[in-house]
Amino acid sequence: MAMQTTSSGGLTNQYQLYFSKQLLPHAIDILVLDQFARKVPFPKNAGAKSIRFMRQDVGLASNVATLSEGIAISAFRDTTFTNVDVTLGQYGEAGKYSDILTYTELYDILEVQSQQFGEDAALKADDIILTSIVPNVTGTSKHYSGTTSWANLAAGTAAAGSFTVVDALDAMTRLAVNKAPKLNGGYVIVVPPQVGRDLLNDPKFVLASQYGTVKGLYNGELGTW
């Protein structure tokens, strides 16, 4: 009688692959742009698919003139409104599975797909917000750490491409010159983790945990200058 003592090779058909029902954690993006989008409910049964927002014009010191006693003002200020139209859009996603899967599934496919649909929809909403509030920057319209284009930035050294306080100051100055409205008293920079590394490495950067105040923090807030 043969006896196997060193391996289980002769018992291959006695073994099968065991599946754990516990799903491993998967990569999930942290979405932050929804905090800076204007959310307005669209009224139902209004007979319209677009909503119009209005913005008044900026103030000008030149609209105010000197007066002379007894002489009426002959120039009048025009009040002008500019409009921003937003049209409703439809987005959707579909999944499929068979009745055989329903009877034999190891995981609850409906529960898994619902979570996947939710993550996909969140990423789509984040992308829509990004393309709406951030201009399409191409060519030489972007000045980043001494470069004049995205190609130059990609070809530069790590030191030349690092985000610094001067870059933030340039961006803040441009916003201030254009009279961009502030959010909670300041301007917000949304950055990827690679730029976040540059921020955290700057000694002038104050971590959110070091504010010493009870002010509310944005989701994913790193800190401030």
Protein backbone atom coordinates (compact mmCIF):
# COMPACT_ATOMS: atom_id res chain seq x y z
CA MET A 1 0.00 0.00 0.00
CA ALA A 2 1.39 3.41 -1.07
CA MET A 3 1.46 6.14 1.54
CA GLN A 4 1.92 9.85 0.79
CA THR A 5 3.71 11.70 3.54
CA THR A 6 5.31 14.83 2.06
CA SER A 7 2.56 16.74 0.19
CA SER A 8 -1.13 16.93 -0.65
CA GLY A 9 -0.53 16.67 -4.40
CA GLY A 10 -2.24 13.32 -4.58
CA LEU A 11 -5.32 14.72 -2.85
CA THR A 12 -6.02 17.55 -5.31
CA ASN A 13 -9.62 16.53 -5.94
CA GLN A 14 -10.30 16.63 -2.21
CA TYR A 15 -9.83 20.39 -2.05
CA GLN A 16 -11.75 23.33 -3.38
CA LEU A 17 -11.32 27.09 -3.31
CA TYR A 18 -13.13 28.67 -0.37
CA PHE A 19 -14.61 32.16 -0.93
CA SER A 20 -14.83 34.56 1.97
CA LYS A 21 -18.12 36.44 2.06
CA GLN A 22 -16.42 39.49 3.55
CA LEU A 23 -15.55 41.97 0.82
CA LEU A 24 -12.17 43.65 1.12
CA PRO A 25 -12.06 47.48 1.35
CA HIS A 26 -11.82 49.16 -2.04
CA ALA A 27 -10.57 52.55 -3.19
CA ILE A 28 -13.06 55.40 -2.64
CA ASP A 29 -12.43 58.97 -3.76
CA ILE A 30 -12.92 61.82 -1.30
CA LEU A 31 -15.23 64.36 -2.94
CA VAL A 32 -15.11 67.97 -1.77
CA LEU A 33 -16.36 70.13 -4.65
CA ASP A 34 -20.02 69.76 -3.65
CA GLN A 35 -19.28 72.12 -0.74
CA PHE A 36 -18.65 74.97 -3.17
CA ALA A 37 -21.52 74.44 -5.60
CA ARG A 38 -24.74 76.39 -5.30
CA LYS A 39 -27.57 73.94 -4.65
CA VAL A 40 -31.04 75.20 -5.54
CA PRO A 41 -34.15 72.98 -5.69
CA PHE A 42 -35.89 73.11 -9.06
CA PRO A 43 -39.64 73.74 -8.62
CA LYS A 44 -41.86 70.92 -9.83
CA ASN A 45 -44.74 71.41 -12.28
CA ALA A 46 -43.40 74.79 -13.33
CA GLY A 47 -43.59 74.07 -17.05
CA ALA A 48 -39.90 74.84 -17.55
CA LYS A 49 -36.65 72.91 -17.88
CA SER A 50 -34.30 75.84 -17.26
CA ILE A 51 -33.82 78.15 -14.31
CA ARG A 52 -32.36 81.64 -14.61
CA PHE A 53 -30.22 83.27 -11.94
CA MET A 54 -29.63 87.01 -12.01
CA ARG A 55 -26.58 89.03 -10.97
CA GLN A 56 -26.48 92.80 -10.51
CA ASP A 57 -23.66 94.88 -11.91
CA VAL A 58 -20.66 96.06 -9.90
CA GLY A 59 -20.41 99.42 -8.20
CA LEU A 60 -18.45 102.28 -9.79
CA ALA A 61 -17.21 105.43 -8.09
CA SER A 62 -17.57 107.28 -11.38
CA ASN A 63 -21.35 106.97 -11.09
CA VAL A 64 -21.27 109.60 -8.35
CA ALA A 65 -20.73 113.20 -9.54
CA THR A 66 -20.26 116.56 -7.84
CA LEU A 67 -23.35 118.68 -7.34
CA SER A 68 -24.01 122.35 -7.84
CA GLU A 69 -26.70 124.13 -5.88
CA GLY A 70 -29.87 124.54 -7.92
CA ILE A 71 -28.66 122.43 -10.85
CA ALA A 72 -30.42 119.11 -11.36
CA ILE A 73 -28.53 115.93 -12.08
CA SER A 74 -28.73 115.16 -15.79
CA ALA A 75 -26.90 111.81 -15.86
CA PHE A 76 -28.60 108.75 -14.48
CA ARG A 77 -27.25 105.42 -13.41
CA ASP A 78 -28.37 102.40 -15.40
CA THR A 79 -29.12 99.30 -13.36
CA THR A 80 -28.10 96.24 -15.35
CA PHE A 81 -28.62 92.59 -14.54
CA THR A 82 -26.78 89.72 -16.16
CA ASN A 83 -28.30 86.27 -16.27
CA VAL A 84 -26.89 82.78 -15.78
CA ASP A 85 -29.14 80.04 -17.20
CA VAL A 86 -29.01 76.45 -15.99
CA THR A 87 -30.85 73.68 -17.85
CA LEU A 88 -31.89 70.42 -16.28
CA GLY A 89 -29.93 67.41 -17.51
CA GLN A 90 -30.59 63.70 -17.17
CA TYR A 91 -27.96 61.17 -16.18
CA GLY A 92 -28.33 57.46 -15.56
CA GLU A 93 -26.61 54.11 -15.27
CA ALA A 94 -27.82 50.54 -15.83
CA GLY A 95 -26.66 47.18 -14.53
CA LYS A 96 -27.57 43.63 -15.45
CA TYR A 97 -27.62 40.18 -13.88
CA SER A 98 -29.41 36.93 -14.64
CA ASP A 99 -31.96 34.86 -12.73
CA ILE A 100 -29.31 32.16 -12.40
CA LEU A 101 -27.15 34.63 -10.53
CA THR A 102 -30.10 35.44 -8.28
CA TYR A 103 -30.34 31.81 -7.20
CA THR A 104 -26.62 31.15 -6.91
CA GLU A 105 -25.06 34.45 -5.85
CA LEU A 106 -22.51 34.51 -3.07
CA TYR A 107 -23.01 38.24 -2.48
CA ASP A 108 -26.18 40.32 -2.57
CA ILE A 109 -25.70 41.73 -6.06
CA LEU A 110 -28.47 44.31 -5.64
CA GLU A 111 -26.85 45.73 -2.52
CA VAL A 112 -23.41 45.79 -4.16
CA GLN A 113 -24.75 47.42 -7.32
CA SER A 114 -26.63 50.05 -5.32
CA GLN A 115 -23.39 51.04 -3.61
CA GLN A 116 -21.56 51.08 -6.94
CA PHE A 117 -24.27 53.23 -8.55
CA GLY A 118 -24.05 55.66 -5.64
CA GLU A 119 -20.27 56.00 -5.93
CA ASP A 120 -20.47 56.39 -9.71
CA ALA A 121 -23.18 59.05 -9.40
CA ALA A 122 -21.15 60.96 -6.81
CA LEU A 123 -18.11 60.97 -9.08
CA LYS A 124 -20.24 62.16 -12.00
CA ALA A 125 -21.71 64.97 -9.91
CA ASP A 126 -18.21 65.96 -8.79
CA ASP A 127 -17.06 66.04 -12.40
CA ILE A 128 -20.03 68.20 -13.44
CA ILE A 129 -19.29 70.67 -10.65
CA LEU A 130 -15.61 70.74 -11.61
CA THR A 131 -16.28 71.55 -15.26
CA SER A 132 -18.84 74.19 -14.25
CA ILE A 133 -16.88 76.20 -11.68
CA VAL A 134 -13.32 75.71 -12.98
CA PRO A 135 -12.41 77.16 -16.39
CA ASN A 136 -10.77 74.96 -18.99
CA VAL A 137 -7.12 75.94 -18.61
CA THR A 138 -4.95 75.20 -21.64
CA GLY A 139 -1.86 76.53 -23.38
CA THR A 140 -0.23 79.57 -21.83
CA SER A 141 -3.21 80.75 -19.82
CA LYS A 142 -1.88 79.11 -16.66
CA HIS A 143 1.10 80.42 -14.69
CA TYR A 144 2.35 77.78 -12.31
CA SER A 145 5.60 78.05 -10.39
CA GLY A 146 7.55 79.86 -13.09
CA THR A 147 6.20 77.84 -16.04
CA THR A 148 4.00 79.10 -18.84
CA SER A 149 2.19 75.93 -19.90
CA TRP A 150 1.16 72.49 -18.72
CA ALA A 151 3.82 70.95 -21.01
CA ASN A 152 6.57 72.99 -19.34
CA LEU A 153 5.24 72.02 -15.94
CA ALA A 154 5.34 68.32 -16.82
CA ALA A 155 8.89 68.65 -18.11
CA GLY A 156 10.17 70.60 -15.12
CA THR A 157 11.94 69.34 -12.03
CA ALA A 158 10.13 68.46 -8.82
CA ALA A 159 11.47 71.59 -7.15
CA ALA A 160 10.36 73.83 -10.02
CA GLY A 161 6.92 72.26 -10.11
CA SER A 162 6.21 72.41 -6.37
CA PHE A 163 3.29 74.53 -5.24
CA THR A 164 4.46 77.34 -2.97
CA VAL A 165 2.95 80.18 -0.99
CA VAL A 166 3.83 82.53 -3.86
CA ASP A 167 1.62 80.52 -6.21
CA ALA A 168 -1.25 80.79 -3.75
CA LEU A 169 -0.58 84.51 -3.36
CA ASP A 170 -0.68 84.95 -7.16
CA ALA A 171 -4.01 83.13 -7.36
CA MET A 172 -5.48 85.10 -4.45
CA THR A 173 -4.32 88.37 -5.98
CA ARG A 174 -5.96 87.53 -9.30
CA LEU A 175 -9.22 86.70 -7.53
CA ALA A 176 -9.09 89.89 -5.49
CA VAL A 177 -8.41 92.03 -8.59
CA ASN A 178 -11.39 90.43 -10.34
CA LYS A 179 -13.53 91.10 -7.25
CA ALA A 180 -14.34 87.42 -6.86
CA PRO A 181 -16.72 86.85 -3.92
CA LYS A 182 -15.14 85.18 -0.91
CA LEU A 183 -16.45 82.10 0.83
CA ASN A 184 -16.71 82.46 4.61
CA GLY A 185 -14.29 85.38 4.46
CA GLY A 186 -11.60 83.79 2.32
CA TYR A 187 -10.66 81.92 -0.85
CA VAL A 188 -10.47 78.14 -1.04
CA ILE A 189 -7.97 76.05 -3.00
CA VAL A 190 -8.99 72.52 -3.98
CA VAL A 191 -5.86 70.43 -4.60
CA PRO A 192 -4.95 66.81 -5.35
CA PRO A 193 -2.86 64.85 -2.80
CA GLN A 194 0.36 65.62 -4.69
CA VAL A 195 -0.13 69.38 -4.23
CA GLY A 196 -1.33 68.77 -0.69
CA ARG A 197 2.08 67.33 0.01
CA ASP A 198 3.70 70.60 -1.09
CA LEU A 199 1.34 72.54 1.15
CA LEU A 200 2.07 70.45 4.23
CA ASN A 201 5.82 70.78 3.57
CA ASP A 202 5.68 74.59 3.65
CA PRO A 203 6.58 76.04 7.09
CA LYS A 204 4.13 78.91 6.52
CA PHE A 205 1.22 76.49 6.30
CA VAL A 206 -0.99 76.20 9.40
CA LEU A 207 -2.69 72.84 9.88
CA ALA A 208 -6.43 72.75 10.41
CA SER A 209 -5.88 71.10 13.81
CA GLN A 210 -3.82 74.14 14.88
CA TYR A 211 -6.41 76.85 14.22
CA GLY A 212 -7.32 77.20 17.89
CA THR A 213 -10.86 78.23 16.97
CA VAL A 214 -14.24 76.56 16.81
CA LYS A 215 -14.85 77.51 13.19
CA GLY A 216 -16.37 74.83 11.01
CA LEU A 217 -14.01 72.96 8.74
CA TYR A 218 -14.59 71.92 5.16
CA ASN A 219 -14.61 68.23 4.38
CA GLY A 220 -10.98 67.30 3.73
CA GLU A 221 -9.60 70.67 4.86
CA LEU A 222 -5.82 70.61 5.30
CA GLY A 223 -5.14 74.06 6.69
CA THR A 224 -4.48 77.65 5.74
CA TRP A 225 -1.79 80.20 5.04
